[in-house]
């Protein structure tokens, strides 16, 4: 399709939007300043296209040049957009308050987690005052089968939908063990029935993940609250943590 007199064709504009998203996603995945030539290679895009997009994003403060090596990273506008979202989103605002209380009251790392694509991400986190602080960084994509939250975030799906949704390679744990898909699906059903989930020694042999769902009005888990604690935590402490997680997540859920 030829470009109109007003500029690029719809297809060309769409391609430009896709490339822009790919560029931002590449930086988010790398989580460090990167050369545009390296980003172009990772994206499989022409250098000229990536340079043109990056220059426009730099003008808009969405990206900024870093150092003298031609590297770029997220600019201050990205922070402002994120801050505006967090302040305007009532659920996220209430979740921040809940995380503060949970981490302080129980001296444990408290996290807000959600789906992103076909992965699990920590959206926000608070460290407790205890010495045990093995956590997942905010924004890092983690396979769903590795976590308690992942089981809850899938509990609205049928077994067939879960099989189609979770990549087969995501059932392999960091230490090489492979989770049985049928057992995982049973875990998801159990998490739905119990309204909470606990996993131990999956993503890390020394940790347990305790999670409770925050549900929308349709009953879908749109997020979870979780604690990351030592795998050898005593039963009484786990029970107290889970009870508070469930009560807090229920309070945050949309029950209208």
C-alpha atoms as a PDB file:
ATOM      1  CA  UNK A   1       0.000   0.000   0.000  1.00  0.00           C
ATOM      2  CA  UNK A   2       1.414   3.375  -0.981  1.00  0.00           C
ATOM      3  CA  UNK A   3       1.877   6.100   1.593  1.00  0.00           C
ATOM      4  CA  UNK A   4      -0.692   8.868   1.494  1.00  0.00           C
ATOM      5  CA  UNK A   5       0.153  12.535   1.088  1.00  0.00           C
ATOM      6  CA  UNK A   6      -0.333  12.973   4.805  1.00  0.00           C
ATOM      7  CA  UNK A   7       2.617  10.710   5.599  1.00  0.00           C
ATOM      8  CA  UNK A   8       3.257   7.048   6.269  1.00  0.00           C
ATOM      9  CA  UNK A   9       0.675   4.410   5.448  1.00  0.00           C
ATOM     10  CA  UNK A  10      -1.294   2.732   8.261  1.00  0.00           C
ATOM     11  CA  UNK A  11       0.851  -0.389   7.834  1.00  0.00           C
ATOM     12  CA  UNK A  12       4.055   1.640   8.115  1.00  0.00           C
ATOM     13  CA  UNK A  13       2.777   3.469  11.179  1.00  0.00           C
ATOM     14  CA  UNK A  14       1.787   0.172  12.789  1.00  0.00           C
ATOM     15  CA  UNK A  15       5.222  -1.250  12.064  1.00  0.00           C
ATOM     16  CA  UNK A  16       6.771   1.804  13.693  1.00  0.00           C
ATOM     17  CA  UNK A  17       4.618   1.331  16.795  1.00  0.00           C
ATOM     18  CA  UNK A  18       5.568  -2.341  16.979  1.00  0.00           C
ATOM     19  CA  UNK A  19       9.259  -1.491  16.674  1.00  0.00           C
ATOM     20  CA  UNK A  20       8.950   1.112  19.413  1.00  0.00           C
ATOM     21  CA  UNK A  21       7.338  -1.410  21.744  1.00  0.00           C
ATOM     22  CA  UNK A  22      10.004  -3.974  20.853  1.00  0.00           C
ATOM     23  CA  UNK A  23      12.727  -1.446  21.701  1.00  0.00           C
ATOM     24  CA  UNK A  24      11.215  -0.641  25.094  1.00  0.00           C
ATOM     25  CA  UNK A  25      10.666  -4.339  25.828  1.00  0.00           C
ATOM     26  CA  UNK A  26      14.279  -5.113  24.931  1.00  0.00           C
ATOM     27  CA  UNK A  27      15.529  -2.498  27.391  1.00  0.00           C
ATOM     28  CA  UNK A  28      13.176  -3.791  30.070  1.00  0.00           C
ATOM     29  CA  UNK A  29      14.461  -7.321  29.521  1.00  0.00           C
ATOM     30  CA  UNK A  30      18.119  -6.255  29.624  1.00  0.00           C
ATOM     31  CA  UNK A  31      17.564  -3.927  32.602  1.00  0.00           C
ATOM     32  CA  UNK A  32      20.711  -1.965  31.795  1.00  0.00           C
ATOM     33  CA  UNK A  33      21.865   0.774  29.399  1.00  0.00           C
ATOM     34  CA  UNK A  34      22.538  -0.725  25.967  1.00  0.00           C
ATOM     35  CA  UNK A  35      24.007   0.269  22.630  1.00  0.00           C
ATOM     36  CA  UNK A  36      21.483   0.833  19.874  1.00  0.00           C
ATOM     37  CA  UNK A  37      23.420  -1.509  17.602  1.00  0.00           C
ATOM     38  CA  UNK A  38      23.016  -4.301  20.167  1.00  0.00           C
ATOM     39  CA  UNK A  39      19.324  -3.523  20.567  1.00  0.00           C
ATOM     40  CA  UNK A  40      18.824  -3.611  16.799  1.00  0.00           C
ATOM     41  CA  UNK A  41      20.476  -7.028  16.682  1.00  0.00           C
ATOM     42  CA  UNK A  42      18.312  -8.341  19.510  1.00  0.00           C
ATOM     43  CA  UNK A  43      15.161  -6.972  17.868  1.00  0.00           C
ATOM     44  CA  UNK A  44      16.092  -8.216  14.418  1.00  0.00           C
ATOM     45  CA  UNK A  45      15.474  -4.709  13.110  1.00  0.00           C
ATOM     46  CA  UNK A  46      17.440  -2.435  10.748  1.00  0.00           C
ATOM     47  CA  UNK A  47      19.846  -0.162  12.592  1.00  0.00           C
ATOM     48  CA  UNK A  48      18.503   2.873  10.780  1.00  0.00           C
ATOM     49  CA  UNK A  49      14.986   2.142  12.034  1.00  0.00           C
ATOM     50  CA  UNK A  50      16.127   1.644  15.618  1.00  0.00           C
ATOM     51  CA  UNK A  51      18.240   4.814  15.562  1.00  0.00           C
ATOM     52  CA  UNK A  52      15.319   6.854  14.205  1.00  0.00           C
ATOM     53  CA  UNK A  53      12.942   5.530  16.866  1.00  0.00           C
ATOM     54  CA  UNK A  54      15.485   6.035  19.644  1.00  0.00           C
ATOM     55  CA  UNK A  55      16.179   9.621  18.619  1.00  0.00           C
ATOM     56  CA  UNK A  56      12.471  10.447  18.773  1.00  0.00           C
ATOM     57  CA  UNK A  57      12.129   8.758  22.159  1.00  0.00           C
ATOM     58  CA  UNK A  58      15.128  10.702  23.448  1.00  0.00           C
ATOM     59  CA  UNK A  59      13.477  13.934  22.315  1.00  0.00           C
ATOM     60  CA  UNK A  60      10.387  12.926  24.318  1.00  0.00           C
ATOM     61  CA  UNK A  61      12.464  12.017  27.411  1.00  0.00           C
ATOM     62  CA  UNK A  62      11.269   8.417  27.147  1.00  0.00           C
ATOM     63  CA  UNK A  63      14.892   7.428  26.605  1.00  0.00           C
ATOM     64  CA  UNK A  64      18.114   9.149  27.525  1.00  0.00           C
ATOM     65  CA  UNK A  65      21.716   8.797  26.409  1.00  0.00           C
ATOM     66  CA  UNK A  66      23.981   7.212  29.002  1.00  0.00           C
ATOM     67  CA  UNK A  67      27.744   7.710  29.096  1.00  0.00           C
ATOM     68  CA  UNK A  68      29.999   8.172  26.102  1.00  0.00           C
ATOM     69  CA  UNK A  69      29.524   4.753  24.514  1.00  0.00           C
ATOM     70  CA  UNK A  70      26.331   5.454  22.614  1.00  0.00           C
ATOM     71  CA  UNK A  71      24.166   3.655  25.138  1.00  0.00           C
ATOM     72  CA  UNK A  72      20.544   4.482  25.944  1.00  0.00           C
ATOM     73  CA  UNK A  73      18.191   3.665  28.779  1.00  0.00           C
ATOM     74  CA  UNK A  74      14.773   4.685  30.045  1.00  0.00           C
ATOM     75  CA  UNK A  75      14.313   8.421  30.526  1.00  0.00           C
ATOM     76  CA  UNK A  76      12.596  10.438  33.210  1.00  0.00           C
ATOM     77  CA  UNK A  77       9.272  10.511  31.352  1.00  0.00           C
ATOM     78  CA  UNK A  78       8.973   6.758  31.915  1.00  0.00           C
ATOM     79  CA  UNK A  79       9.300   7.327  35.650  1.00  0.00           C
ATOM     80  CA  UNK A  80       6.672  10.066  35.507  1.00  0.00           C
ATOM     81  CA  UNK A  81       4.253   7.834  33.592  1.00  0.00           C
ATOM     82  CA  UNK A  82       4.758   5.023  36.086  1.00  0.00           C
ATOM     83  CA  UNK A  83       4.332   7.368  39.024  1.00  0.00           C
ATOM     84  CA  UNK A  84       1.119   8.763  37.543  1.00  0.00           C
ATOM     85  CA  UNK A  85      -0.229   5.249  37.016  1.00  0.00           C
ATOM     86  CA  UNK A  86       0.582   4.198  40.571  1.00  0.00           C
ATOM     87  CA  UNK A  87      -1.030   7.307  42.033  1.00  0.00           C
ATOM     88  CA  UNK A  88      -4.175   7.104  39.898  1.00  0.00           C
ATOM     89  CA  UNK A  89      -4.770   3.360  40.232  1.00  0.00           C
ATOM     90  CA  UNK A  90      -6.789   2.860  43.430  1.00  0.00           C
ATOM     91  CA  UNK A  91      -5.975  -0.844  43.740  1.00  0.00           C
ATOM     92  CA  UNK A  92      -2.245  -0.269  43.411  1.00  0.00           C
ATOM     93  CA  UNK A  93      -2.396   2.536  45.955  1.00  0.00           C
ATOM     94  CA  UNK A  94      -4.158   0.287  48.460  1.00  0.00           C
ATOM     95  CA  UNK A  95      -1.750  -2.547  47.715  1.00  0.00           C
ATOM     96  CA  UNK A  96       1.234  -0.328  48.500  1.00  0.00           C
ATOM     97  CA  UNK A  97      -0.259   0.413  51.896  1.00  0.00           C
ATOM     98  CA  UNK A  98      -0.902  -3.301  52.453  1.00  0.00           C
ATOM     99  CA  UNK A  99       2.677  -4.219  51.536  1.00  0.00           C
ATOM    100  CA  UNK A 100       4.039  -1.658  53.973  1.00  0.00           C
ATOM    101  CA  UNK A 101       1.972  -3.112  56.799  1.00  0.00           C
ATOM    102  CA  UNK A 102       2.623  -6.770  55.969  1.00  0.00           C
ATOM    103  CA  UNK A 103       6.396  -6.365  55.716  1.00  0.00           C
ATOM    104  CA  UNK A 104       6.625  -4.283  58.888  1.00  0.00           C
ATOM    105  CA  UNK A 105       4.275  -6.365  60.997  1.00  0.00           C
ATOM    106  CA  UNK A 106       5.739  -9.748  60.064  1.00  0.00           C
ATOM    107  CA  UNK A 107       9.403  -8.823  59.371  1.00  0.00           C
ATOM    108  CA  UNK A 108       9.182 -10.663  56.052  1.00  0.00           C
ATOM    109  CA  UNK A 109       9.489  -9.705  52.399  1.00  0.00           C
ATOM    110  CA  UNK A 110       6.023  -8.903  51.040  1.00  0.00           C
ATOM    111  CA  UNK A 111       5.307  -8.721  47.307  1.00  0.00           C
ATOM    112  CA  UNK A 112       2.531  -7.784  44.896  1.00  0.00           C
ATOM    113  CA  UNK A 113       2.588 -10.081  41.867  1.00  0.00           C
ATOM    114  CA  UNK A 114       0.695 -10.329  38.575  1.00  0.00           C
ATOM    115  CA  UNK A 115       0.679 -11.850  35.100  1.00  0.00           C
ATOM    116  CA  UNK A 116       2.623 -10.228  32.291  1.00  0.00           C
ATOM    117  CA  UNK A 117       2.112 -12.076  29.071  1.00  0.00           C
ATOM    118  CA  UNK A 118       2.681 -15.738  29.910  1.00  0.00           C
ATOM    119  CA  UNK A 119       4.976 -15.041  32.836  1.00  0.00           C
ATOM    120  CA  UNK A 120       4.790 -13.915  36.431  1.00  0.00           C
ATOM    121  CA  UNK A 121       6.264 -10.613  37.578  1.00  0.00           C
ATOM    122  CA  UNK A 122       6.712  -8.879  40.895  1.00  0.00           C
ATOM    123  CA  UNK A 123       4.947  -5.529  40.526  1.00  0.00           C
ATOM    124  CA  UNK A 124       5.982  -4.102  43.889  1.00  0.00           C
ATOM    125  CA  UNK A 125       7.881  -5.324  46.934  1.00  0.00           C
ATOM    126  CA  UNK A 126       8.752  -4.411  50.497  1.00  0.00           C
ATOM    127  CA  UNK A 127      11.612  -5.911  52.488  1.00  0.00           C
ATOM    128  CA  UNK A 128      10.997  -6.907  56.068  1.00  0.00           C
ATOM    129  CA  UNK A 129      13.435  -6.212  58.872  1.00  0.00           C
ATOM    130  CA  UNK A 130      14.616  -9.818  59.015  1.00  0.00           C
ATOM    131  CA  UNK A 131      17.946 -11.050  57.664  1.00  0.00           C
ATOM    132  CA  UNK A 132      16.345 -13.354  55.075  1.00  0.00           C
ATOM    133  CA  UNK A 133      15.920 -11.398  51.838  1.00  0.00           C
ATOM    134  CA  UNK A 134      15.990 -13.683  48.802  1.00  0.00           C
ATOM    135  CA  UNK A 135      13.524 -12.088  46.393  1.00  0.00           C
ATOM    136  CA  UNK A 136      12.681 -11.614  42.730  1.00  0.00           C
ATOM    137  CA  UNK A 137      13.442  -8.164  41.335  1.00  0.00           C
ATOM    138  CA  UNK A 138      10.504  -6.011  40.296  1.00  0.00           C
ATOM    139  CA  UNK A 139       9.654  -6.494  36.622  1.00  0.00           C
ATOM    140  CA  UNK A 140      11.707  -9.649  36.032  1.00  0.00           C
ATOM    141  CA  UNK A 141       9.632 -12.224  34.147  1.00  0.00           C
ATOM    142  CA  UNK A 142       9.576 -15.622  35.863  1.00  0.00           C
ATOM    143  CA  UNK A 143       7.944 -18.874  34.674  1.00  0.00           C
ATOM    144  CA  UNK A 144       4.557 -19.387  36.318  1.00  0.00           C
ATOM    145  CA  UNK A 145       5.196 -22.979  37.515  1.00  0.00           C
ATOM    146  CA  UNK A 146       8.071 -21.750  39.690  1.00  0.00           C
ATOM    147  CA  UNK A 147       5.829 -19.826  42.091  1.00  0.00           C
ATOM    148  CA  UNK A 148       2.831 -20.090  44.384  1.00  0.00           C
ATOM    149  CA  UNK A 149       1.423 -16.917  42.840  1.00  0.00           C
ATOM    150  CA  UNK A 150       1.616 -18.488  39.394  1.00  0.00           C
ATOM    151  CA  UNK A 151      -0.779 -21.231  40.431  1.00  0.00           C
ATOM    152  CA  UNK A 152      -3.323 -18.731  41.724  1.00  0.00           C
ATOM    153  CA  UNK A 153      -3.032 -16.457  38.696  1.00  0.00           C
ATOM    154  CA  UNK A 154      -4.030 -19.384  36.459  1.00  0.00           C
ATOM    155  CA  UNK A 155      -6.826 -20.773  38.610  1.00  0.00           C
ATOM    156  CA  UNK A 156      -9.596 -19.385  36.371  1.00  0.00           C
ATOM    157  CA  UNK A 157      -8.356 -21.494  33.441  1.00  0.00           C
ATOM    158  CA  UNK A 158      -9.339 -25.007  32.437  1.00  0.00           C
ATOM    159  CA  UNK A 159      -6.661 -27.735  32.298  1.00  0.00           C
ATOM    160  CA  UNK A 160      -6.594 -27.456  28.505  1.00  0.00           C
ATOM    161  CA  UNK A 161      -6.192 -23.683  28.694  1.00  0.00           C
ATOM    162  CA  UNK A 162      -3.334 -24.027  31.178  1.00  0.00           C
ATOM    163  CA  UNK A 163      -1.534 -26.522  28.931  1.00  0.00           C
ATOM    164  CA  UNK A 164      -1.871 -24.154  25.982  1.00  0.00           C
ATOM    165  CA  UNK A 165      -0.895 -21.073  27.990  1.00  0.00           C
ATOM    166  CA  UNK A 166       2.251 -22.172  29.839  1.00  0.00           C
ATOM    167  CA  UNK A 167       5.299 -22.820  27.620  1.00  0.00           C
ATOM    168  CA  UNK A 168       6.600 -26.383  28.023  1.00  0.00           C
ATOM    169  CA  UNK A 169      10.093 -25.162  28.848  1.00  0.00           C
ATOM    170  CA  UNK A 170       8.749 -23.243  31.848  1.00  0.00           C
ATOM    171  CA  UNK A 171       8.179 -26.481  33.736  1.00  0.00           C
ATOM    172  CA  UNK A 172      11.949 -26.928  34.049  1.00  0.00           C
ATOM    173  CA  UNK A 173      13.177 -25.464  37.337  1.00  0.00           C
ATOM    174  CA  UNK A 174      16.476 -23.569  37.737  1.00  0.00           C
ATOM    175  CA  UNK A 175      18.186 -26.668  39.184  1.00  0.00           C
ATOM    176  CA  UNK A 176      17.156 -28.835  36.222  1.00  0.00           C
ATOM    177  CA  UNK A 177      14.206 -30.628  37.784  1.00  0.00           C
ATOM    178  CA  UNK A 178      11.115 -30.861  35.573  1.00  0.00           C
ATOM    179  CA  UNK A 179       7.659 -30.430  37.074  1.00  0.00           C
ATOM    180  CA  UNK A 180       4.955 -32.823  35.935  1.00  0.00           C
ATOM    181  CA  UNK A 181       2.288 -30.906  34.028  1.00  0.00           C
ATOM    182  CA  UNK A 182      -0.579 -32.955  35.458  1.00  0.00           C
ATOM    183  CA  UNK A 183       0.682 -32.366  38.996  1.00  0.00           C
ATOM    184  CA  UNK A 184       0.931 -28.651  38.282  1.00  0.00           C
ATOM    185  CA  UNK A 185      -2.662 -28.545  37.036  1.00  0.00           C
ATOM    186  CA  UNK A 186      -3.755 -30.320  40.232  1.00  0.00           C
ATOM    187  CA  UNK A 187      -1.838 -27.692  42.225  1.00  0.00           C
ATOM    188  CA  UNK A 188      -3.736 -24.948  40.402  1.00  0.00           C
ATOM    189  CA  UNK A 189      -7.087 -26.583  41.200  1.00  0.00           C
ATOM    190  CA  UNK A 190      -6.062 -27.007  44.845  1.00  0.00           C
ATOM    191  CA  UNK A 191      -4.997 -23.365  45.057  1.00  0.00           C
ATOM    192  CA  UNK A 192      -8.380 -22.289  43.707  1.00  0.00           C
ATOM    193  CA  UNK A 193     -10.193 -24.488  46.213  1.00  0.00           C
ATOM    194  CA  UNK A 194      -8.073 -23.375  49.188  1.00  0.00           C
ATOM    195  CA  UNK A 195      -7.924 -19.684  48.266  1.00  0.00           C
ATOM    196  CA  UNK A 196      -4.185 -19.679  48.937  1.00  0.00           C
ATOM    197  CA  UNK A 197      -1.031 -21.480  47.884  1.00  0.00           C
ATOM    198  CA  UNK A 198       2.348 -22.445  49.327  1.00  0.00           C
ATOM    199  CA  UNK A 199       5.341 -23.687  47.347  1.00  0.00           C
ATOM    200  CA  UNK A 200       8.743 -24.689  48.711  1.00  0.00           C
ATOM    201  CA  UNK A 201      12.149 -25.174  47.089  1.00  0.00           C
ATOM    202  CA  UNK A 202      11.055 -24.481  43.509  1.00  0.00           C
ATOM    203  CA  UNK A 203      12.780 -21.360  42.181  1.00  0.00           C
ATOM    204  CA  UNK A 204      15.213 -21.545  45.115  1.00  0.00           C
ATOM    205  CA  UNK A 205      15.808 -24.529  47.404  1.00  0.00           C
ATOM    206  CA  UNK A 206      16.016 -22.331  50.489  1.00  0.00           C
ATOM    207  CA  UNK A 207      12.743 -20.432  50.114  1.00  0.00           C
ATOM    208  CA  UNK A 208       9.026 -20.876  50.456  1.00  0.00           C
ATOM    209  CA  UNK A 209       6.482 -18.702  48.680  1.00  0.00           C
ATOM    210  CA  UNK A 210       3.145 -18.060  50.390  1.00  0.00           C
ATOM    211  CA  UNK A 211       0.454 -16.396  48.276  1.00  0.00           C
ATOM    212  CA  UNK A 212      -3.178 -15.276  48.343  1.00  0.00           C
ATOM    213  CA  UNK A 213      -5.254 -13.959  45.405  1.00  0.00           C
ATOM    214  CA  UNK A 214      -6.665 -10.492  44.812  1.00  0.00           C
ATOM    215  CA  UNK A 215      -9.731 -11.123  42.652  1.00  0.00           C
ATOM    216  CA  UNK A 216     -11.852  -8.970  40.382  1.00  0.00           C
ATOM    217  CA  UNK A 217     -15.653  -8.987  40.401  1.00  0.00           C
ATOM    218  CA  UNK A 218     -15.664 -12.056  38.118  1.00  0.00           C
ATOM    219  CA  UNK A 219     -13.507 -13.996  40.559  1.00  0.00           C
ATOM    220  CA  UNK A 220     -10.366 -13.905  38.422  1.00  0.00           C
ATOM    221  CA  UNK A 221      -7.093 -13.464  40.297  1.00  0.00           C
ATOM    222  CA  UNK A 222      -5.770 -10.195  38.845  1.00  0.00           C
ATOM    223  CA  UNK A 223      -2.863 -10.109  41.295  1.00  0.00           C
ATOM    224  CA  UNK A 224      -1.528 -11.832  44.390  1.00  0.00           C
ATOM    225  CA  UNK A 225      -0.001 -10.855  47.687  1.00  0.00           C
ATOM    226  CA  UNK A 226       2.843 -13.083  48.764  1.00  0.00           C
ATOM    227  CA  UNK A 227       5.520 -13.583  51.387  1.00  0.00           C
ATOM    228  CA  UNK A 228       8.969 -15.004  50.654  1.00  0.00           C
ATOM    229  CA  UNK A 229      10.256 -16.823  53.744  1.00  0.00           C
ATOM    230  CA  UNK A 230      12.905 -19.424  54.636  1.00  0.00           C
ATOM    231  CA  UNK A 231      11.916 -22.951  53.636  1.00  0.00           C
ATOM    232  CA  UNK A 232      12.410 -24.135  57.216  1.00  0.00           C
ATOM    233  CA  UNK A 233      10.000 -21.601  58.753  1.00  0.00           C
ATOM    234  CA  UNK A 234       7.977 -23.120  61.584  1.00  0.00           C
ATOM    235  CA  UNK A 235       4.385 -24.151  60.889  1.00  0.00           C
ATOM    236  CA  UNK A 236       2.879 -21.639  63.312  1.00  0.00           C
ATOM    237  CA  UNK A 237       4.604 -18.725  61.582  1.00  0.00           C
ATOM    238  CA  UNK A 238       3.497 -19.897  58.139  1.00  0.00           C
ATOM    239  CA  UNK A 239      -0.075 -20.202  59.358  1.00  0.00           C
ATOM    240  CA  UNK A 240      -0.040 -16.670  60.770  1.00  0.00           C
ATOM    241  CA  UNK A 241       1.459 -15.268  57.569  1.00  0.00           C
ATOM    242  CA  UNK A 242      -1.045 -17.070  55.351  1.00  0.00           C
ATOM    243  CA  UNK A 243      -3.999 -16.012  57.463  1.00  0.00           C
ATOM    244  CA  UNK A 244      -2.975 -12.357  57.174  1.00  0.00           C
ATOM    245  CA  UNK A 245      -2.305 -12.669  53.439  1.00  0.00           C
ATOM    246  CA  UNK A 246      -5.733 -14.188  52.801  1.00  0.00           C
ATOM    247  CA  UNK A 247      -7.526 -11.597  54.918  1.00  0.00           C
ATOM    248  CA  UNK A 248      -5.660  -8.705  53.305  1.00  0.00           C
ATOM    249  CA  UNK A 249      -6.075 -10.011  49.747  1.00  0.00           C
ATOM    250  CA  UNK A 250      -9.789 -10.566  50.359  1.00  0.00           C
ATOM    251  CA  UNK A 251     -10.131  -6.997  51.577  1.00  0.00           C
ATOM    252  CA  UNK A 252      -8.394  -5.745  48.423  1.00  0.00           C
ATOM    253  CA  UNK A 253     -10.537  -7.867  46.102  1.00  0.00           C
ATOM    254  CA  UNK A 254     -13.477  -6.413  44.184  1.00  0.00           C
ATOM    255  CA  UNK A 255     -16.530  -7.938  45.838  1.00  0.00           C
ATOM    256  CA  UNK A 256     -19.144  -5.768  44.100  1.00  0.00           C
END
